[in-house]
Each structure stands twice: as C-alpha cells, then as structure tokens.
Amino acid sequence: MSNRNYEALYIVRPELKEADIAKIAERFSKVVTDNGGTVSKAALWEKRKFAYEINDIKEGNYIIMNFEAPGTVPAELNRLMRISDDVLRHTIVKQEEVSAPAEAAPVEA
C-alpha cells in the first residue's frame, strides 16, 4: 500500500502551556512515524477565538500537521484525537496532488 499526503488540523484547550501543547503534538506525530509515515510539518498556529462556544470554551490553540502515511494512520489518529480530553475539535483530510495550471491564452479585447 502506498503512502498518501494528509493534513491534520486540531484545536486543543486554551489553558494548556506551550510545553503541554508540544507533548500533545509530539504524541500525534509519534503515531504517524510508528505506523510507517513521516511528518513534514507540525506547527502551532496560534490561540484564536471561536465563532461559537464549544463546551463553554471561547478560544483554543490551533495545531496543523502535514504528514505522509499509509491509509490506516488517519483512522488511528482520528480515534486517538476523539478520545483525548485536550482536543476540542479535529479534522484530517487527504491532500490531492495538484497538477500544474495550464498556460492561459491571451484575452483579446
């Protein structure tokens, strides 16, 4: 089975310290690498306000992770993020390969 590119975006509790956020990000990165994948990027975006409250919480820390892995890894990450008390929301999407744009023809007036 070939590896595919994925992007995981998850929101963790706002009261967590940077060291705790780093531990959470490392735990999810380790799931990818332990299952035969590679993480190309894992970064903390910033703390942002929500458009609506989630369980009486008004803001959260957004973390994005890009990785390449077999198809079973996103399901395992989804399971672990769903049962984590620190993760408020998450999404994992498969990134499609983008082809080069076609050369545009000049527009005549």
N, C-alpha and C. Protein backbone atom coordinates (compact mmCIF):
# COMPACT_ATOMS: atom_id res chain seq x y z
N MET A 1 0.85 -1.18 0.00
CA MET A 1 0.00 0.00 0.00
C MET A 1 0.90 1.24 0.00
N SER A 2 0.59 2.19 -0.85
CA SER A 2 1.43 3.39 -0.95
C SER A 2 0.99 4.44 0.08
N ASN A 3 1.92 5.29 0.39
CA ASN A 3 1.63 6.38 1.32
C ASN A 3 0.93 7.52 0.60
N ARG A 4 0.11 8.24 1.33
CA ARG A 4 -0.60 9.39 0.79
C ARG A 4 -0.33 10.59 1.69
N ASN A 5 -0.56 11.77 1.14
CA ASN A 5 -0.36 13.01 1.90
C ASN A 5 -1.65 13.40 2.61
N TYR A 6 -1.51 13.79 3.87
CA TYR A 6 -2.64 14.19 4.69
C TYR A 6 -2.32 15.48 5.43
N GLU A 7 -3.38 16.14 5.87
CA GLU A 7 -3.24 17.31 6.72
C GLU A 7 -4.20 17.14 7.89
N ALA A 8 -3.67 17.28 9.08
CA ALA A 8 -4.49 17.20 10.29
C ALA A 8 -4.49 18.57 10.95
N LEU A 9 -5.68 19.06 11.27
CA LEU A 9 -5.82 20.31 11.99
C LEU A 9 -6.60 19.99 13.26
N TYR A 10 -6.04 20.35 14.40
CA TYR A 10 -6.76 20.08 15.63
C TYR A 10 -6.62 21.26 16.59
N ILE A 11 -7.62 21.40 17.45
CA ILE A 11 -7.70 22.50 18.40
C ILE A 11 -7.61 21.93 19.80
N VAL A 12 -6.67 22.45 20.59
CA VAL A 12 -6.51 21.99 21.96
C VAL A 12 -6.94 23.09 22.92
N ARG A 13 -7.14 22.70 24.15
CA ARG A 13 -7.64 23.62 25.18
C ARG A 13 -6.77 24.87 25.32
N PRO A 14 -7.39 26.03 25.57
CA PRO A 14 -6.64 27.29 25.63
C PRO A 14 -5.76 27.43 26.87
N GLU A 15 -6.09 26.74 27.94
CA GLU A 15 -5.33 26.90 29.18
C GLU A 15 -4.03 26.10 29.21
N LEU A 16 -3.79 25.28 28.21
CA LEU A 16 -2.57 24.47 28.18
C LEU A 16 -1.34 25.33 27.93
N LYS A 17 -0.26 25.00 28.61
CA LYS A 17 1.01 25.69 28.42
C LYS A 17 1.68 25.18 27.15
N GLU A 18 2.64 25.94 26.64
CA GLU A 18 3.32 25.55 25.39
C GLU A 18 3.99 24.19 25.51
N ALA A 19 4.54 23.87 26.69
CA ALA A 19 5.19 22.57 26.88
C ALA A 19 4.18 21.43 26.77
N ASP A 20 2.97 21.64 27.30
CA ASP A 20 1.92 20.62 27.21
C ASP A 20 1.42 20.46 25.78
N ILE A 21 1.31 21.59 25.07
CA ILE A 21 0.89 21.54 23.67
C ILE A 21 1.93 20.79 22.84
N ALA A 22 3.21 21.04 23.13
CA ALA A 22 4.29 20.35 22.41
C ALA A 22 4.24 18.84 22.66
N LYS A 23 3.90 18.43 23.89
CA LYS A 23 3.78 17.00 24.20
C LYS A 23 2.64 16.35 23.41
N ILE A 24 1.52 17.06 23.31
CA ILE A 24 0.38 16.54 22.55
C ILE A 24 0.76 16.41 21.08
N ALA A 25 1.39 17.44 20.52
CA ALA A 25 1.79 17.41 19.11
C ALA A 25 2.79 16.29 18.87
N GLU A 26 3.71 16.08 19.81
CA GLU A 26 4.70 15.02 19.68
C GLU A 26 4.03 13.65 19.74
N ARG A 27 3.03 13.50 20.59
CA ARG A 27 2.31 12.22 20.70
C ARG A 27 1.64 11.86 19.38
N PHE A 28 0.98 12.82 18.74
CA PHE A 28 0.31 12.55 17.47
C PHE A 28 1.32 12.33 16.35
N SER A 29 2.44 13.06 16.37
CA SER A 29 3.50 12.84 15.37
C SER A 29 4.09 11.45 15.51
N LYS A 30 4.23 10.99 16.75
CA LYS A 30 4.79 9.66 17.01
C LYS A 30 3.87 8.56 16.48
N VAL A 31 2.56 8.77 16.54
CA VAL A 31 1.61 7.81 15.98
C VAL A 31 1.88 7.64 14.49
N VAL A 32 2.11 8.75 13.80
CA VAL A 32 2.38 8.70 12.36
C VAL A 32 3.68 7.95 12.08
N THR A 33 4.76 8.32 12.78
CA THR A 33 6.06 7.71 12.50
C THR A 33 6.10 6.25 12.93
N ASP A 34 5.43 5.90 14.01
CA ASP A 34 5.42 4.50 14.47
C ASP A 34 4.67 3.58 13.51
N ASN A 35 3.78 4.15 12.70
CA ASN A 35 2.99 3.37 11.75
C ASN A 35 3.49 3.50 10.32
N GLY A 36 4.76 3.87 10.16
CA GLY A 36 5.36 3.89 8.83
C GLY A 36 5.20 5.17 8.04
N GLY A 37 4.84 6.25 8.69
CA GLY A 37 4.66 7.53 8.00
C GLY A 37 5.76 8.52 8.35
N THR A 38 5.71 9.66 7.71
CA THR A 38 6.65 10.74 8.01
C THR A 38 5.88 12.05 8.16
N VAL A 39 6.30 12.87 9.12
CA VAL A 39 5.68 14.17 9.36
C VAL A 39 6.54 15.23 8.69
N SER A 40 5.96 15.96 7.75
CA SER A 40 6.73 17.00 7.07
C SER A 40 6.64 18.34 7.80
N LYS A 41 5.54 18.58 8.51
CA LYS A 41 5.38 19.84 9.23
C LYS A 41 4.39 19.64 10.37
N ALA A 42 4.74 20.16 11.53
CA ALA A 42 3.81 20.22 12.66
C ALA A 42 4.05 21.55 13.34
N ALA A 43 3.05 22.41 13.35
CA ALA A 43 3.25 23.75 13.87
C ALA A 43 2.03 24.24 14.63
N LEU A 44 2.30 25.04 15.66
CA LEU A 44 1.25 25.71 16.41
C LEU A 44 0.92 26.99 15.67
N TRP A 45 -0.32 27.14 15.24
CA TRP A 45 -0.71 28.37 14.57
C TRP A 45 -0.76 29.49 15.58
N GLU A 46 -1.75 29.49 16.40
CA GLU A 46 -1.91 30.50 17.44
C GLU A 46 -3.19 30.21 18.21
N LYS A 47 -3.39 30.97 19.27
CA LYS A 47 -4.65 30.87 20.02
C LYS A 47 -5.64 31.80 19.33
N ARG A 48 -6.83 31.28 19.01
CA ARG A 48 -7.84 32.06 18.31
C ARG A 48 -9.19 31.93 19.00
N LYS A 49 -10.00 32.98 18.84
CA LYS A 49 -11.36 32.94 19.36
C LYS A 49 -12.23 32.13 18.41
N PHE A 50 -13.19 31.41 18.97
CA PHE A 50 -14.13 30.62 18.18
C PHE A 50 -15.29 31.50 17.72
N ALA A 51 -15.92 31.10 16.65
CA ALA A 51 -17.12 31.78 16.19
C ALA A 51 -18.28 31.48 17.14
N TYR A 52 -18.23 30.31 17.78
CA TYR A 52 -19.23 29.94 18.77
C TYR A 52 -18.54 29.11 19.84
N GLU A 53 -19.11 29.08 21.03
CA GLU A 53 -18.51 28.36 22.15
C GLU A 53 -18.60 26.85 21.94
N ILE A 54 -17.57 26.16 22.39
CA ILE A 54 -17.54 24.70 22.39
C ILE A 54 -17.42 24.26 23.85
N ASN A 55 -18.46 23.70 24.39
CA ASN A 55 -18.48 23.28 25.80
C ASN A 55 -18.06 24.41 26.74
N ASP A 56 -18.62 25.60 26.53
CA ASP A 56 -18.34 26.81 27.33
C ASP A 56 -16.91 27.31 27.18
N ILE A 57 -16.21 26.90 26.17
CA ILE A 57 -14.84 27.37 25.90
C ILE A 57 -14.92 28.31 24.70
N LYS A 58 -14.29 29.48 24.82
CA LYS A 58 -14.42 30.52 23.80
C LYS A 58 -13.23 30.64 22.85
N GLU A 59 -12.11 29.96 23.16
CA GLU A 59 -10.93 30.03 22.29
C GLU A 59 -10.12 28.75 22.42
N GLY A 60 -9.19 28.56 21.51
CA GLY A 60 -8.36 27.35 21.55
C GLY A 60 -7.07 27.54 20.77
N ASN A 61 -6.13 26.64 21.00
CA ASN A 61 -4.84 26.63 20.29
C ASN A 61 -4.95 25.73 19.07
N TYR A 62 -4.69 26.30 17.91
CA TYR A 62 -4.78 25.56 16.65
C TYR A 62 -3.42 24.96 16.30
N ILE A 63 -3.40 23.68 15.95
CA ILE A 63 -2.18 22.99 15.56
C ILE A 63 -2.43 22.32 14.21
N ILE A 64 -1.47 22.49 13.30
CA ILE A 64 -1.58 21.87 11.98
C ILE A 64 -0.42 20.91 11.80
N MET A 65 -0.72 19.75 11.20
CA MET A 65 0.31 18.75 10.95
C MET A 65 0.12 18.19 9.55
N ASN A 66 1.17 18.29 8.73
CA ASN A 66 1.17 17.68 7.40
C ASN A 66 2.01 16.42 7.49
N PHE A 67 1.48 15.32 6.92
CA PHE A 67 2.22 14.07 7.00
C PHE A 67 1.92 13.18 5.81
N GLU A 68 2.80 12.22 5.60
CA GLU A 68 2.64 11.21 4.56
C GLU A 68 2.60 9.87 5.28
N ALA A 69 1.58 9.06 4.99
CA ALA A 69 1.41 7.81 5.73
C ALA A 69 0.49 6.86 4.97
N PRO A 70 0.51 5.58 5.38
CA PRO A 70 -0.45 4.62 4.82
C PRO A 70 -1.88 5.00 5.22
N GLY A 71 -2.85 4.47 4.53
CA GLY A 71 -4.25 4.81 4.75
C GLY A 71 -4.81 4.47 6.11
N THR A 72 -4.15 3.61 6.87
CA THR A 72 -4.66 3.23 8.19
C THR A 72 -4.33 4.27 9.27
N VAL A 73 -3.34 5.11 9.02
CA VAL A 73 -2.88 6.06 10.03
C VAL A 73 -3.94 7.14 10.34
N PRO A 74 -4.59 7.75 9.34
CA PRO A 74 -5.61 8.75 9.68
C PRO A 74 -6.74 8.20 10.56
N ALA A 75 -7.12 6.97 10.35
CA ALA A 75 -8.17 6.37 11.18
C ALA A 75 -7.70 6.24 12.63
N GLU A 76 -6.45 5.86 12.83
CA GLU A 76 -5.90 5.73 14.19
C GLU A 76 -5.77 7.12 14.83
N LEU A 77 -5.28 8.09 14.08
CA LEU A 77 -5.20 9.46 14.61
C LEU A 77 -6.57 9.98 14.99
N ASN A 78 -7.56 9.76 14.14
CA ASN A 78 -8.92 10.18 14.40
C ASN A 78 -9.44 9.57 15.71
N ARG A 79 -9.18 8.29 15.89
CA ARG A 79 -9.62 7.60 17.11
C ARG A 79 -8.96 8.21 18.35
N LEU A 80 -7.65 8.45 18.28
CA LEU A 80 -6.94 8.99 19.43
C LEU A 80 -7.33 10.44 19.74
N MET A 81 -7.55 11.22 18.70
CA MET A 81 -7.96 12.62 18.91
C MET A 81 -9.37 12.68 19.50
N ARG A 82 -10.23 11.78 19.07
CA ARG A 82 -11.61 11.75 19.55
C ARG A 82 -11.68 11.43 21.05
N ILE A 83 -10.79 10.58 21.53
CA ILE A 83 -10.86 10.19 22.95
C ILE A 83 -9.99 11.07 23.85
N SER A 84 -9.20 11.98 23.26
CA SER A 84 -8.35 12.87 24.05
C SER A 84 -9.19 13.99 24.67
N ASP A 85 -9.02 14.20 25.96
CA ASP A 85 -9.75 15.28 26.64
C ASP A 85 -9.22 16.65 26.27
N ASP A 86 -7.98 16.72 25.81
CA ASP A 86 -7.36 18.01 25.48
C ASP A 86 -7.72 18.51 24.09
N VAL A 87 -8.16 17.62 23.19
CA VAL A 87 -8.51 18.01 21.83
C VAL A 87 -10.00 18.36 21.79
N LEU A 88 -10.28 19.62 21.43
CA LEU A 88 -11.67 20.08 21.37
C LEU A 88 -12.33 19.72 20.04
N ARG A 89 -11.62 19.95 18.94
CA ARG A 89 -12.11 19.62 17.60
C ARG A 89 -10.92 19.19 16.76
N HIS A 90 -11.18 18.39 15.73
CA HIS A 90 -10.11 17.97 14.82
C HIS A 90 -10.68 17.58 13.47
N THR A 91 -9.82 17.64 12.48
CA THR A 91 -10.17 17.17 11.15
C THR A 91 -8.90 16.67 10.47
N ILE A 92 -9.05 15.62 9.70
CA ILE A 92 -7.93 15.05 8.94
C ILE A 92 -8.40 14.91 7.50
N VAL A 93 -7.67 15.52 6.58
CA VAL A 93 -8.06 15.47 5.17
C VAL A 93 -6.91 14.94 4.33
N LYS A 94 -7.30 14.23 3.28
CA LYS A 94 -6.31 13.73 2.32
C LYS A 94 -6.05 14.85 1.34
N GLN A 95 -4.78 15.14 1.08
CA GLN A 95 -4.42 16.18 0.14
C GLN A 95 -4.27 15.58 -1.25
N GLU A 96 -4.98 16.13 -2.18
CA GLU A 96 -4.90 15.68 -3.56
C GLU A 96 -3.66 16.28 -4.20
N GLU A 97 -3.09 15.55 -5.15
CA GLU A 97 -1.95 16.08 -5.88
C GLU A 97 -2.46 17.16 -6.82
N VAL A 98 -1.78 18.29 -6.81
CA VAL A 98 -2.18 19.42 -7.63
C VAL A 98 -1.34 19.42 -8.90
N SER A 99 -2.01 19.42 -10.03
CA SER A 99 -1.27 19.48 -11.30
C SER A 99 -0.95 20.93 -11.62
N ALA A 100 0.05 21.14 -12.45
CA ALA A 100 0.45 22.49 -12.83
C ALA A 100 -0.67 23.13 -13.64
N PRO A 101 -0.93 24.42 -13.41
CA PRO A 101 -2.01 25.08 -14.15
C PRO A 101 -1.64 25.18 -15.64
N ALA A 102 -2.64 25.08 -16.47
CA ALA A 102 -2.43 25.18 -17.92
C ALA A 102 -2.06 26.63 -18.27
N GLU A 103 -1.32 26.75 -19.33
CA GLU A 103 -0.92 28.08 -19.80
C GLU A 103 -2.18 28.84 -20.25
N ALA A 104 -2.35 30.03 -19.74
CA ALA A 104 -3.54 30.83 -20.07
C ALA A 104 -3.38 31.46 -21.46
N ALA A 105 -4.43 31.42 -22.24
CA ALA A 105 -4.41 32.06 -23.55
C ALA A 105 -4.69 33.56 -23.38
N PRO A 106 -4.04 34.38 -24.18
CA PRO A 106 -4.28 35.83 -24.04
C PRO A 106 -5.73 36.16 -24.41
N VAL A 107 -6.29 37.14 -23.73
CA VAL A 107 -7.67 37.56 -23.96
C VAL A 107 -7.63 38.79 -24.87
N GLU A 108 -8.39 38.73 -25.94
CA GLU A 108 -8.43 39.88 -26.84
C GLU A 108 -9.63 40.75 -26.51
N ALA A 109 -9.41 42.04 -26.55
CA ALA A 109 -10.47 42.99 -26.21
C ALA A 109 -11.35 43.31 -27.38
